[in-house]
Amino acid sequence: MSRWSAGKKIYQMARELRRQRGGCVGAYVLDAAGCSYRHQASPENYFVLRFYELNEKERETYLTSGRSAIADRRLNRFMSEEKNRIMAHKHLFYQCFSELIYRESIYIPKVSYLEFLAFLDSHETFILKPDRGIMGQGIEKLRTENVENREAFFQRCKAARLLAEQVITQHEELERISNCVNSVRMNAARDGKGTIRLIGACLKCGAKGAAADNFHSGGIAYPLDIRTGIVTGPGRNNTEIKDYEIHPGSSVYMPGFSVPYWEEVVACAMKAMEHMPELGYVGWDIAVTPDGPELIEGNCHWPGGNIIQLDKIGKYPLIKECLEGVT
């Protein structure tokens, strides 16, 4: 990102802060620029993690975007081009991690029209998503009966390199919050000795009527105690300075909410790390079904630091421990 683009983003963020909480745009700009220089904090770090409320000692403990990028380069140093392709392309990821993924899916460019029709006929609703989508962009939940011209639809999906997959049936406790799949984000890293360490976790919940729970698509993230899977406080989104104790789409009071099958969720993240030993730092998205956890995806090279630090505990010290002895 150029200095001009970075400066523009800081200014826009500062104006938003003034609108929502008052204060001086210039003061926010200067403070955010200083955080960018001293702590490698992005404007979103400054906004979502509320750096404007923190002192320098507290800011030093947070895993900012710049610090996360450095950790990614060093901890994921053994990732080959082939492994990176697997993590970047959903259809390859589903094949590689099939033992942790139970939903039916098809990569439309690789199937025949008859196979595509068979998939539609076996599912009343399905999820359509880009093979390389990020931040929840381009994800749709569709009803099969609404697909009028199936052949034309097939050709459009094929040209756009889309996947169609079975809708995950989530646990009834999570369904109460939002009827899109509300997933656990679990960040895990491998230290210099090869030991897998859990860095932080959150529960990502979709906004009312959303097809995905992504934080950058209107979702709300709630901090989780990584030992117990219990929500420890209010959630946040990335557009409003607001604490969401009550989920706005369902009126469920979230602090104290316990994620079902928590031990199995942790085990799922550990198994995923063990399945690809080259991975050094990744954010796993895990759904919880009535029968237990199911892996959704792995966010390698951009694990997402903001949402695992909404418990107001910076995770940079944990990452620095993992970096010890790593060249």
C-alpha atoms as a PDB file:
ATOM      1  CA  MET A   1       0.000   0.000   0.000  1.00  0.00           C
ATOM      2  CA  SER A   2       1.339   3.440  -0.948  1.00  0.00           C
ATOM      3  CA  ARG A   3       1.805   6.171   1.656  1.00  0.00           C
ATOM      4  CA  TRP A   4      -0.970   8.139  -0.035  1.00  0.00           C
ATOM      5  CA  SER A   5      -3.417   5.225   0.210  1.00  0.00           C
ATOM      6  CA  ALA A   6      -2.449   4.558   3.828  1.00  0.00           C
ATOM      7  CA  GLY A   7      -2.847   8.213   4.705  1.00  0.00           C
ATOM      8  CA  LYS A   8      -6.226   8.355   3.000  1.00  0.00           C
ATOM      9  CA  LYS A   9      -7.451   5.329   4.971  1.00  0.00           C
ATOM     10  CA  ILE A  10      -6.243   6.857   8.242  1.00  0.00           C
ATOM     11  CA  TYR A  11      -8.059  10.107   7.453  1.00  0.00           C
ATOM     12  CA  GLN A  12     -11.297   8.301   6.567  1.00  0.00           C
ATOM     13  CA  MET A  13     -11.083   6.265   9.756  1.00  0.00           C
ATOM     14  CA  ALA A  14     -10.418   9.430  11.803  1.00  0.00           C
ATOM     15  CA  ARG A  15     -13.498  11.096  10.350  1.00  0.00           C
ATOM     16  CA  GLU A  16     -15.573   8.051  11.241  1.00  0.00           C
ATOM     17  CA  LEU A  17     -14.252   8.172  14.813  1.00  0.00           C
ATOM     18  CA  ARG A  18     -15.192  11.824  15.095  1.00  0.00           C
ATOM     19  CA  ARG A  19     -18.686  11.031  13.826  1.00  0.00           C
ATOM     20  CA  GLN A  20     -19.225   8.216  16.294  1.00  0.00           C
ATOM     21  CA  ARG A  21     -17.457   9.417  19.441  1.00  0.00           C
ATOM     22  CA  GLY A  22     -16.484  13.040  18.897  1.00  0.00           C
ATOM     23  CA  GLY A  23     -12.986  14.427  19.224  1.00  0.00           C
ATOM     24  CA  CYS A  24     -10.621  15.989  16.735  1.00  0.00           C
ATOM     25  CA  VAL A  25      -9.900  14.435  13.327  1.00  0.00           C
ATOM     26  CA  GLY A  26      -6.345  15.799  13.390  1.00  0.00           C
ATOM     27  CA  ALA A  27      -5.629  14.240  16.782  1.00  0.00           C
ATOM     28  CA  TYR A  28      -6.865  10.854  15.600  1.00  0.00           C
ATOM     29  CA  VAL A  29      -4.819  11.121  12.408  1.00  0.00           C
ATOM     30  CA  LEU A  30      -1.620  11.927  14.297  1.00  0.00           C
ATOM     31  CA  ASP A  31      -2.165   9.205  16.886  1.00  0.00           C
ATOM     32  CA  ALA A  32      -3.074   6.571  14.259  1.00  0.00           C
ATOM     33  CA  ALA A  33      -0.040   7.538  12.159  1.00  0.00           C
ATOM     34  CA  GLY A  34       2.141   7.132  15.225  1.00  0.00           C
ATOM     35  CA  CYS A  35       0.618   3.706  15.883  1.00  0.00           C
ATOM     36  CA  SER A  36       1.316   2.761  12.287  1.00  0.00           C
ATOM     37  CA  TYR A  37       4.977   3.713  12.714  1.00  0.00           C
ATOM     38  CA  ARG A  38       5.589   2.339  16.224  1.00  0.00           C
ATOM     39  CA  HIS A  39       3.260  -0.672  16.283  1.00  0.00           C
ATOM     40  CA  GLN A  40       2.638  -1.417  12.584  1.00  0.00           C
ATOM     41  CA  ALA A  41      -1.068  -0.913  13.246  1.00  0.00           C
ATOM     42  CA  SER A  42      -3.466  -0.541  10.319  1.00  0.00           C
ATOM     43  CA  PRO A  43      -6.383   1.919  10.460  1.00  0.00           C
ATOM     44  CA  GLU A  44      -8.678  -1.070  11.085  1.00  0.00           C
ATOM     45  CA  ASN A  45      -6.490  -2.178  14.007  1.00  0.00           C
ATOM     46  CA  TYR A  46      -6.733   1.332  15.432  1.00  0.00           C
ATOM     47  CA  PHE A  47     -10.534   1.359  15.024  1.00  0.00           C
ATOM     48  CA  VAL A  48     -11.580  -2.207  15.922  1.00  0.00           C
ATOM     49  CA  LEU A  49      -9.063  -2.787  18.712  1.00  0.00           C
ATOM     50  CA  ARG A  50      -9.733   0.734  20.013  1.00  0.00           C
ATOM     51  CA  PHE A  51      -6.135   1.827  20.126  1.00  0.00           C
ATOM     52  CA  TYR A  52      -7.392   5.337  20.839  1.00  0.00           C
ATOM     53  CA  GLU A  53      -8.295   4.095  24.354  1.00  0.00           C
ATOM     54  CA  LEU A  54      -4.989   2.284  24.993  1.00  0.00           C
ATOM     55  CA  ASN A  55      -1.678   3.509  26.336  1.00  0.00           C
ATOM     56  CA  GLU A  56       1.635   2.688  24.673  1.00  0.00           C
ATOM     57  CA  LYS A  57       2.364  -0.249  26.997  1.00  0.00           C
ATOM     58  CA  GLU A  58      -0.986  -1.828  26.142  1.00  0.00           C
ATOM     59  CA  ARG A  59      -0.584  -1.176  22.417  1.00  0.00           C
ATOM     60  CA  GLU A  60       2.739  -2.994  22.480  1.00  0.00           C
ATOM     61  CA  THR A  61       0.963  -6.269  23.366  1.00  0.00           C
ATOM     62  CA  TYR A  62      -1.362  -6.366  20.354  1.00  0.00           C
ATOM     63  CA  LEU A  63      -0.847  -8.463  17.258  1.00  0.00           C
ATOM     64  CA  THR A  64      -1.302  -5.756  14.633  1.00  0.00           C
ATOM     65  CA  SER A  65      -1.497  -6.255  10.877  1.00  0.00           C
ATOM     66  CA  GLY A  66       2.192  -5.486  10.380  1.00  0.00           C
ATOM     67  CA  ARG A  67       3.315  -7.781  13.184  1.00  0.00           C
ATOM     68  CA  SER A  68       1.013 -10.512  11.893  1.00  0.00           C
ATOM     69  CA  ALA A  69       2.496 -10.191   8.387  1.00  0.00           C
ATOM     70  CA  ILE A  70       6.025 -10.631   9.761  1.00  0.00           C
ATOM     71  CA  ALA A  71       4.937 -13.654  11.813  1.00  0.00           C
ATOM     72  CA  ASP A  72       3.270 -15.134   8.738  1.00  0.00           C
ATOM     73  CA  ARG A  73       6.414 -14.835   6.624  1.00  0.00           C
ATOM     74  CA  ARG A  74       8.605 -16.414   9.287  1.00  0.00           C
ATOM     75  CA  LEU A  75       6.281 -19.100  10.638  1.00  0.00           C
ATOM     76  CA  ASN A  76       4.970 -20.180   7.225  1.00  0.00           C
ATOM     77  CA  ARG A  77       8.453 -20.258   5.685  1.00  0.00           C
ATOM     78  CA  PHE A  78       8.178 -23.962   4.807  1.00  0.00           C
ATOM     79  CA  MET A  79       5.018 -23.589   2.731  1.00  0.00           C
ATOM     80  CA  SER A  80       5.683 -24.746  -0.829  1.00  0.00           C
ATOM     81  CA  GLU A  81       3.893 -23.394  -3.894  1.00  0.00           C
ATOM     82  CA  GLU A  82       1.771 -26.551  -3.931  1.00  0.00           C
ATOM     83  CA  LYS A  83       0.745 -26.178  -0.280  1.00  0.00           C
ATOM     84  CA  ASN A  84      -0.053 -22.507  -0.786  1.00  0.00           C
ATOM     85  CA  ARG A  85      -2.295 -23.440  -3.717  1.00  0.00           C
ATOM     86  CA  ILE A  86      -4.159 -25.917  -1.526  1.00  0.00           C
ATOM     87  CA  MET A  87      -4.776 -23.295   1.156  1.00  0.00           C
ATOM     88  CA  ALA A  88      -5.795 -20.655  -1.409  1.00  0.00           C
ATOM     89  CA  HIS A  89      -8.212 -22.726  -3.516  1.00  0.00           C
ATOM     90  CA  LYS A  90     -11.257 -24.064  -1.726  1.00  0.00           C
ATOM     91  CA  HIS A  91     -11.775 -27.085  -3.984  1.00  0.00           C
ATOM     92  CA  LEU A  92      -8.184 -28.227  -3.358  1.00  0.00           C
ATOM     93  CA  PHE A  93      -8.541 -27.494   0.351  1.00  0.00           C
ATOM     94  CA  TYR A  94     -11.669 -29.659   0.562  1.00  0.00           C
ATOM     95  CA  GLN A  95      -9.821 -32.550  -1.066  1.00  0.00           C
ATOM     96  CA  CYS A  96      -6.769 -32.222   1.164  1.00  0.00           C
ATOM     97  CA  PHE A  97      -8.717 -31.927   4.443  1.00  0.00           C
ATOM     98  CA  SER A  98     -11.542 -34.297   3.503  1.00  0.00           C
ATOM     99  CA  GLU A  99     -11.289 -36.224   6.773  1.00  0.00           C
ATOM    100  CA  LEU A 100     -12.470 -33.095   8.628  1.00  0.00           C
ATOM    101  CA  ILE A 101     -15.056 -31.976   6.034  1.00  0.00           C
ATOM    102  CA  TYR A 102     -18.349 -33.850   5.715  1.00  0.00           C
ATOM    103  CA  ARG A 103     -20.570 -31.673   3.501  1.00  0.00           C
ATOM    104  CA  GLU A 104     -21.039 -32.514  -0.169  1.00  0.00           C
ATOM    105  CA  SER A 105     -19.515 -30.041  -2.612  1.00  0.00           C
ATOM    106  CA  ILE A 106     -18.718 -29.734  -6.306  1.00  0.00           C
ATOM    107  CA  TYR A 107     -16.220 -27.504  -8.076  1.00  0.00           C
ATOM    108  CA  ILE A 108     -18.361 -26.542 -11.029  1.00  0.00           C
ATOM    109  CA  PRO A 109     -15.563 -26.085 -13.634  1.00  0.00           C
ATOM    110  CA  LYS A 110     -14.550 -29.712 -13.010  1.00  0.00           C
ATOM    111  CA  VAL A 111     -17.937 -31.452 -13.210  1.00  0.00           C
ATOM    112  CA  SER A 112     -20.250 -32.332 -16.089  1.00  0.00           C
ATOM    113  CA  TYR A 113     -23.653 -30.778 -16.580  1.00  0.00           C
ATOM    114  CA  LEU A 114     -25.274 -34.061 -15.510  1.00  0.00           C
ATOM    115  CA  GLU A 115     -23.258 -34.090 -12.271  1.00  0.00           C
ATOM    116  CA  PHE A 116     -24.279 -30.494 -11.669  1.00  0.00           C
ATOM    117  CA  LEU A 117     -27.957 -31.404 -12.160  1.00  0.00           C
ATOM    118  CA  ALA A 118     -27.600 -34.348  -9.781  1.00  0.00           C
ATOM    119  CA  PHE A 119     -26.206 -32.022  -7.108  1.00  0.00           C
ATOM    120  CA  LEU A 120     -29.092 -29.566  -7.524  1.00  0.00           C
ATOM    121  CA  ASP A 121     -31.673 -32.340  -7.422  1.00  0.00           C
ATOM    122  CA  SER A 122     -30.273 -33.653  -4.139  1.00  0.00           C
ATOM    123  CA  HIS A 123     -30.356 -30.285  -2.288  1.00  0.00           C
ATOM    124  CA  GLU A 124     -33.278 -27.918  -1.730  1.00  0.00           C
ATOM    125  CA  THR A 125     -30.852 -25.147  -0.784  1.00  0.00           C
ATOM    126  CA  PHE A 126     -27.138 -24.803  -1.398  1.00  0.00           C
ATOM    127  CA  ILE A 127     -24.224 -22.418  -0.925  1.00  0.00           C
ATOM    128  CA  LEU A 128     -22.485 -20.864  -3.905  1.00  0.00           C
ATOM    129  CA  LYS A 129     -19.028 -19.384  -3.328  1.00  0.00           C
ATOM    130  CA  PRO A 130     -15.902 -18.312  -5.238  1.00  0.00           C
ATOM    131  CA  ASP A 131     -13.036 -20.777  -5.265  1.00  0.00           C
ATOM    132  CA  ARG A 132     -10.701 -18.032  -4.049  1.00  0.00           C
ATOM    133  CA  GLY A 133     -13.118 -15.752  -2.218  1.00  0.00           C
ATOM    134  CA  ILE A 134     -11.918 -13.687   0.726  1.00  0.00           C
ATOM    135  CA  MET A 135     -13.665 -11.858   3.584  1.00  0.00           C
ATOM    136  CA  GLY A 136     -16.951 -13.613   2.870  1.00  0.00           C
ATOM    137  CA  GLN A 137     -17.330 -11.856  -0.474  1.00  0.00           C
ATOM    138  CA  GLY A 138     -19.423 -13.473  -3.176  1.00  0.00           C
ATOM    139  CA  ILE A 139     -21.063 -16.101  -0.943  1.00  0.00           C
ATOM    140  CA  GLU A 140     -24.734 -16.783  -1.700  1.00  0.00           C
ATOM    141  CA  LYS A 141     -27.335 -19.105  -0.237  1.00  0.00           C
ATOM    142  CA  LEU A 142     -29.753 -20.192  -2.962  1.00  0.00           C
ATOM    143  CA  ARG A 143     -32.907 -22.277  -3.241  1.00  0.00           C
ATOM    144  CA  THR A 144     -32.737 -24.847  -6.013  1.00  0.00           C
ATOM    145  CA  GLU A 145     -36.319 -24.162  -7.070  1.00  0.00           C
ATOM    146  CA  ASN A 146     -35.327 -20.586  -7.898  1.00  0.00           C
ATOM    147  CA  VAL A 147     -32.764 -21.686 -10.487  1.00  0.00           C
ATOM    148  CA  GLU A 148     -34.865 -21.311 -13.613  1.00  0.00           C
ATOM    149  CA  ASN A 149     -32.494 -21.885 -16.542  1.00  0.00           C
ATOM    150  CA  ARG A 150     -30.196 -24.557 -15.175  1.00  0.00           C
ATOM    151  CA  GLU A 151     -27.976 -24.815 -18.229  1.00  0.00           C
ATOM    152  CA  ALA A 152     -27.350 -21.064 -18.384  1.00  0.00           C
ATOM    153  CA  PHE A 153     -26.768 -21.027 -14.623  1.00  0.00           C
ATOM    154  CA  PHE A 154     -24.265 -23.874 -14.966  1.00  0.00           C
ATOM    155  CA  GLN A 155     -22.326 -22.005 -17.644  1.00  0.00           C
ATOM    156  CA  ARG A 156     -22.209 -18.804 -15.552  1.00  0.00           C
ATOM    157  CA  CYS A 157     -20.963 -20.696 -12.482  1.00  0.00           C
ATOM    158  CA  LYS A 158     -18.394 -22.549 -14.563  1.00  0.00           C
ATOM    159  CA  ALA A 159     -17.041 -19.333 -16.084  1.00  0.00           C
ATOM    160  CA  ALA A 160     -16.862 -17.696 -12.645  1.00  0.00           C
ATOM    161  CA  ARG A 161     -15.055 -20.754 -11.182  1.00  0.00           C
ATOM    162  CA  LEU A 162     -17.558 -21.257  -8.380  1.00  0.00           C
ATOM    163  CA  LEU A 163     -18.182 -24.050  -5.909  1.00  0.00           C
ATOM    164  CA  ALA A 164     -21.590 -25.322  -4.895  1.00  0.00           C
ATOM    165  CA  GLU A 165     -21.831 -27.010  -1.534  1.00  0.00           C
ATOM    166  CA  GLN A 166     -24.320 -28.504   0.840  1.00  0.00           C
ATOM    167  CA  VAL A 167     -25.619 -26.179   3.549  1.00  0.00           C
ATOM    168  CA  ILE A 168     -24.111 -27.041   6.917  1.00  0.00           C
ATOM    169  CA  THR A 169     -26.686 -27.882   9.570  1.00  0.00           C
ATOM    170  CA  GLN A 170     -25.367 -26.141  12.646  1.00  0.00           C
ATOM    171  CA  HIS A 171     -26.005 -27.014  16.277  1.00  0.00           C
ATOM    172  CA  GLU A 172     -29.349 -25.758  17.566  1.00  0.00           C
ATOM    173  CA  GLU A 173     -27.646 -23.525  20.156  1.00  0.00           C
ATOM    174  CA  LEU A 174     -25.811 -21.676  17.384  1.00  0.00           C
ATOM    175  CA  GLU A 175     -28.910 -21.620  15.181  1.00  0.00           C
ATOM    176  CA  ARG A 176     -30.611 -19.550  17.896  1.00  0.00           C
ATOM    177  CA  ILE A 177     -28.098 -16.752  17.275  1.00  0.00           C
ATOM    178  CA  SER A 178     -28.248 -16.555  13.495  1.00  0.00           C
ATOM    179  CA  ASN A 179     -29.402 -18.960  10.800  1.00  0.00           C
ATOM    180  CA  CYS A 180     -26.245 -18.498   8.749  1.00  0.00           C
ATOM    181  CA  VAL A 181     -23.434 -20.744   9.954  1.00  0.00           C
ATOM    182  CA  ASN A 182     -21.829 -19.111  13.013  1.00  0.00           C
ATOM    183  CA  SER A 183     -18.287 -20.431  13.133  1.00  0.00           C
ATOM    184  CA  VAL A 184     -15.389 -20.523  15.542  1.00  0.00           C
ATOM    185  CA  ARG A 185     -12.180 -18.820  14.435  1.00  0.00           C
ATOM    186  CA  MET A 186      -9.234 -20.588  16.047  1.00  0.00           C
ATOM    187  CA  ASN A 187      -5.741 -19.235  15.381  1.00  0.00           C
ATOM    188  CA  ALA A 188      -2.933 -21.730  15.836  1.00  0.00           C
ATOM    189  CA  ALA A 189       0.827 -21.486  15.407  1.00  0.00           C
ATOM    190  CA  ARG A 190       3.830 -23.781  15.461  1.00  0.00           C
ATOM    191  CA  ASP A 191       6.746 -22.629  17.587  1.00  0.00           C
ATOM    192  CA  GLY A 192      10.457 -23.058  16.855  1.00  0.00           C
ATOM    193  CA  LYS A 193      10.395 -26.578  18.318  1.00  0.00           C
ATOM    194  CA  GLY A 194       7.422 -27.623  16.188  1.00  0.00           C
ATOM    195  CA  THR A 195       4.937 -27.581  19.064  1.00  0.00           C
ATOM    196  CA  ILE A 196       1.423 -26.482  18.089  1.00  0.00           C
ATOM    197  CA  ARG A 197       0.119 -23.612  20.186  1.00  0.00           C
ATOM    198  CA  LEU A 198      -3.360 -22.100  20.226  1.00  0.00           C
ATOM    199  CA  ILE A 199      -3.139 -18.298  20.015  1.00  0.00           C
ATOM    200  CA  GLY A 200      -6.723 -17.092  20.328  1.00  0.00           C
ATOM    201  CA  ALA A 201     -10.340 -17.743  19.391  1.00  0.00           C
ATOM    202  CA  CYS A 202     -13.626 -16.012  18.764  1.00  0.00           C
ATOM    203  CA  LEU A 203     -17.180 -16.859  17.720  1.00  0.00           C
ATOM    204  CA  LYS A 204     -18.141 -15.240  14.415  1.00  0.00           C
ATOM    205  CA  CYS A 205     -21.857 -14.568  14.108  1.00  0.00           C
ATOM    206  CA  GLY A 206     -23.674 -13.441  11.004  1.00  0.00           C
ATOM    207  CA  ALA A 207     -25.761 -10.295  10.836  1.00  0.00           C
ATOM    208  CA  LYS A 208     -29.516 -10.591  10.367  1.00  0.00           C
ATOM    209  CA  GLY A 209     -30.273 -12.199   6.989  1.00  0.00           C
ATOM    210  CA  ALA A 210     -26.581 -12.637   6.100  1.00  0.00           C
ATOM    211  CA  ALA A 211     -25.325 -15.629   4.102  1.00  0.00           C
ATOM    212  CA  ALA A 212     -21.945 -15.612   5.880  1.00  0.00           C
ATOM    213  CA  ASP A 213     -20.593 -14.768   9.318  1.00  0.00           C
ATOM    214  CA  ASN A 214     -17.528 -12.915   8.045  1.00  0.00           C
ATOM    215  CA  PHE A 215     -16.394  -9.906  10.094  1.00  0.00           C
ATOM    216  CA  HIS A 216     -15.902  -7.893   6.895  1.00  0.00           C
ATOM    217  CA  SER A 217     -19.407  -8.691   5.644  1.00  0.00           C
ATOM    218  CA  GLY A 218     -21.382  -7.236   8.527  1.00  0.00           C
ATOM    219  CA  GLY A 219     -20.722 -10.026  11.033  1.00  0.00           C
ATOM    220  CA  ILE A 220     -20.152  -9.639  14.764  1.00  0.00           C
ATOM    221  CA  ALA A 221     -17.273 -11.409  16.521  1.00  0.00           C
ATOM    222  CA  TYR A 222     -17.459 -12.427  20.177  1.00  0.00           C
ATOM    223  CA  PRO A 223     -14.380 -13.187  22.325  1.00  0.00           C
ATOM    224  CA  LEU A 224     -13.975 -16.776  23.494  1.00  0.00           C
ATOM    225  CA  ASP A 225     -12.071 -18.242  26.404  1.00  0.00           C
ATOM    226  CA  ILE A 226      -9.828 -20.637  24.509  1.00  0.00           C
ATOM    227  CA  ARG A 227      -9.808 -23.068  27.449  1.00  0.00           C
ATOM    228  CA  THR A 228     -13.573 -23.381  27.829  1.00  0.00           C
ATOM    229  CA  GLY A 229     -15.243 -22.076  24.654  1.00  0.00           C
ATOM    230  CA  ILE A 230     -17.336 -19.608  26.661  1.00  0.00           C
ATOM    231  CA  VAL A 231     -18.047 -16.088  25.345  1.00  0.00           C
ATOM    232  CA  THR A 232     -16.269 -13.750  27.755  1.00  0.00           C
ATOM    233  CA  GLY A 233     -17.745 -10.390  26.809  1.00  0.00           C
ATOM    234  CA  PRO A 234     -19.554  -8.270  24.239  1.00  0.00           C
ATOM    235  CA  GLY A 235     -18.916  -8.555  20.528  1.00  0.00           C
ATOM    236  CA  ARG A 236     -17.827  -5.970  17.984  1.00  0.00           C
ATOM    237  CA  ASN A 237     -18.108  -5.387  14.253  1.00  0.00           C
ATOM    238  CA  ASN A 238     -15.711  -3.417  12.081  1.00  0.00           C
ATOM    239  CA  THR A 239     -17.941  -0.441  11.307  1.00  0.00           C
ATOM    240  CA  GLU A 240     -19.458   0.768  14.590  1.00  0.00           C
ATOM    241  CA  ILE A 241     -17.999   1.678  17.982  1.00  0.00           C
ATOM    242  CA  LYS A 242     -20.499  -0.388  19.858  1.00  0.00           C
ATOM    243  CA  ASP A 243     -20.478  -3.316  22.277  1.00  0.00           C
ATOM    244  CA  TYR A 244     -22.914  -6.047  21.273  1.00  0.00           C
ATOM    245  CA  GLU A 245     -23.834  -7.988  24.397  1.00  0.00           C
ATOM    246  CA  ILE A 246     -27.137  -8.882  22.719  1.00  0.00           C
ATOM    247  CA  HIS A 247     -26.921 -10.171  19.155  1.00  0.00           C
ATOM    248  CA  PRO A 248     -28.947  -7.662  17.107  1.00  0.00           C
ATOM    249  CA  GLY A 249     -30.416 -10.256  14.750  1.00  0.00           C
ATOM    250  CA  SER A 250     -31.856 -12.586  17.387  1.00  0.00           C
ATOM    251  CA  SER A 251     -31.751 -10.821  20.784  1.00  0.00           C
ATOM    252  CA  VAL A 252     -29.647 -13.664  22.245  1.00  0.00           C
ATOM    253  CA  TYR A 253     -27.565 -12.459  25.211  1.00  0.00           C
ATOM    254  CA  MET A 254     -24.053 -13.602  24.320  1.00  0.00           C
ATOM    255  CA  PRO A 255     -21.697 -13.244  27.350  1.00  0.00           C
ATOM    256  CA  GLY A 256     -21.624 -16.637  29.042  1.00  0.00           C
ATOM    257  CA  PHE A 257     -22.728 -18.483  25.891  1.00  0.00           C
ATOM    258  CA  SER A 258     -20.942 -21.826  25.675  1.00  0.00           C
ATOM    259  CA  VAL A 259     -19.907 -23.229  22.292  1.00  0.00           C
ATOM    260  CA  PRO A 260     -21.039 -26.876  22.087  1.00  0.00           C
ATOM    261  CA  TYR A 261     -18.439 -29.635  21.642  1.00  0.00           C
ATOM    262  CA  TRP A 262     -15.613 -27.284  22.626  1.00  0.00           C
ATOM    263  CA  GLU A 263     -13.040 -30.002  23.302  1.00  0.00           C
ATOM    264  CA  GLU A 264     -13.804 -31.496  19.891  1.00  0.00           C
ATOM    265  CA  VAL A 265     -13.500 -28.051  18.257  1.00  0.00           C
ATOM    266  CA  VAL A 266     -10.021 -27.660  19.726  1.00  0.00           C
ATOM    267  CA  ALA A 267      -9.138 -31.182  18.588  1.00  0.00           C
ATOM    268  CA  CYS A 268     -10.330 -30.325  15.063  1.00  0.00           C
ATOM    269  CA  ALA A 269      -7.948 -27.354  14.889  1.00  0.00           C
ATOM    270  CA  MET A 270      -5.081 -29.490  16.180  1.00  0.00           C
ATOM    271  CA  LYS A 271      -5.807 -32.252  13.642  1.00  0.00           C
ATOM    272  CA  ALA A 272      -5.881 -29.700  10.837  1.00  0.00           C
ATOM    273  CA  MET A 273      -2.455 -28.397  11.898  1.00  0.00           C
ATOM    274  CA  GLU A 274      -1.078 -31.926  12.107  1.00  0.00           C
ATOM    275  CA  HIS A 275      -2.457 -32.762   8.667  1.00  0.00           C
ATOM    276  CA  MET A 276      -0.204 -30.159   7.038  1.00  0.00           C
ATOM    277  CA  PRO A 277       3.050 -29.919   9.033  1.00  0.00           C
ATOM    278  CA  GLU A 278       4.362 -27.108   6.806  1.00  0.00           C
ATOM    279  CA  LEU A 279       1.760 -24.729   8.246  1.00  0.00           C
ATOM    280  CA  GLY A 280       3.257 -22.416  10.840  1.00  0.00           C
ATOM    281  CA  TYR A 281       0.468 -19.930  11.461  1.00  0.00           C
ATOM    282  CA  VAL A 282      -3.160 -20.116  10.348  1.00  0.00           C
ATOM    283  CA  GLY A 283      -6.680 -19.148  11.362  1.00  0.00           C
ATOM    284  CA  TRP A 284      -9.106 -22.079  11.170  1.00  0.00           C
ATOM    285  CA  ASP A 285     -12.839 -21.552  10.683  1.00  0.00           C
ATOM    286  CA  ILE A 286     -14.816 -24.383  12.257  1.00  0.00           C
ATOM    287  CA  ALA A 287     -18.568 -25.000  12.233  1.00  0.00           C
ATOM    288  CA  VAL A 288     -20.335 -26.887  15.001  1.00  0.00           C
ATOM    289  CA  THR A 289     -23.026 -29.306  13.843  1.00  0.00           C
ATOM    290  CA  PRO A 290     -25.393 -31.432  15.967  1.00  0.00           C
ATOM    291  CA  ASP A 291     -22.785 -34.205  15.663  1.00  0.00           C
ATOM    292  CA  GLY A 292     -19.671 -32.146  16.377  1.00  0.00           C
ATOM    293  CA  PRO A 293     -17.220 -29.837  14.590  1.00  0.00           C
ATOM    294  CA  GLU A 294     -16.677 -29.566  10.851  1.00  0.00           C
ATOM    295  CA  LEU A 295     -13.816 -27.678   9.214  1.00  0.00           C
ATOM    296  CA  ILE A 296     -14.843 -24.810   6.937  1.00  0.00           C
ATOM    297  CA  GLU A 297     -11.534 -23.333   5.813  1.00  0.00           C
ATOM    298  CA  GLY A 298      -8.029 -22.322   6.810  1.00  0.00           C
ATOM    299  CA  ASN A 299      -6.922 -18.700   6.561  1.00  0.00           C
ATOM    300  CA  CYS A 300      -3.229 -18.926   5.789  1.00  0.00           C
ATOM    301  CA  HIS A 301      -1.155 -15.754   5.200  1.00  0.00           C
ATOM    302  CA  TRP A 302      -3.927 -13.618   6.690  1.00  0.00           C
ATOM    303  CA  PRO A 303      -5.198 -15.356   9.853  1.00  0.00           C
ATOM    304  CA  GLY A 304      -7.025 -12.280  11.164  1.00  0.00           C
ATOM    305  CA  GLY A 305      -5.669 -10.703  14.324  1.00  0.00           C
ATOM    306  CA  ASN A 306      -8.419  -8.270  15.273  1.00  0.00           C
ATOM    307  CA  ILE A 307     -11.157 -10.786  15.983  1.00  0.00           C
ATOM    308  CA  ILE A 308      -9.084 -13.009  18.281  1.00  0.00           C
ATOM    309  CA  GLN A 309      -8.140 -10.006  20.447  1.00  0.00           C
ATOM    310  CA  LEU A 310     -11.603  -8.721  21.287  1.00  0.00           C
ATOM    311  CA  ASP A 311     -11.074 -10.141  24.780  1.00  0.00           C
ATOM    312  CA  LYS A 312      -8.794  -7.087  25.279  1.00  0.00           C
ATOM    313  CA  ILE A 313      -5.778  -9.364  25.694  1.00  0.00           C
ATOM    314  CA  GLY A 314      -3.077  -8.711  23.105  1.00  0.00           C
ATOM    315  CA  LYS A 315      -1.734 -11.874  21.465  1.00  0.00           C
ATOM    316  CA  TYR A 316       1.614 -10.485  20.314  1.00  0.00           C
ATOM    317  CA  PRO A 317       3.552 -11.987  23.277  1.00  0.00           C
ATOM    318  CA  LEU A 318       2.301 -15.463  22.318  1.00  0.00           C
ATOM    319  CA  ILE A 319       3.407 -14.987  18.724  1.00  0.00           C
ATOM    320  CA  LYS A 320       6.805 -13.681  19.839  1.00  0.00           C
ATOM    321  CA  GLU A 321       7.265 -16.857  21.882  1.00  0.00           C
ATOM    322  CA  CYS A 322       6.521 -18.905  18.771  1.00  0.00           C
ATOM    323  CA  LEU A 323       9.064 -16.863  16.810  1.00  0.00           C
ATOM    324  CA  GLU A 324      11.877 -17.592  19.280  1.00  0.00           C
ATOM    325  CA  GLY A 325      14.459 -19.759  17.570  1.00  0.00           C
ATOM    326  CA  VAL A 326      12.869 -19.260  14.142  1.00  0.00           C
ATOM    327  CA  THR A 327      15.280 -17.898  11.556  1.00  0.00           C
END
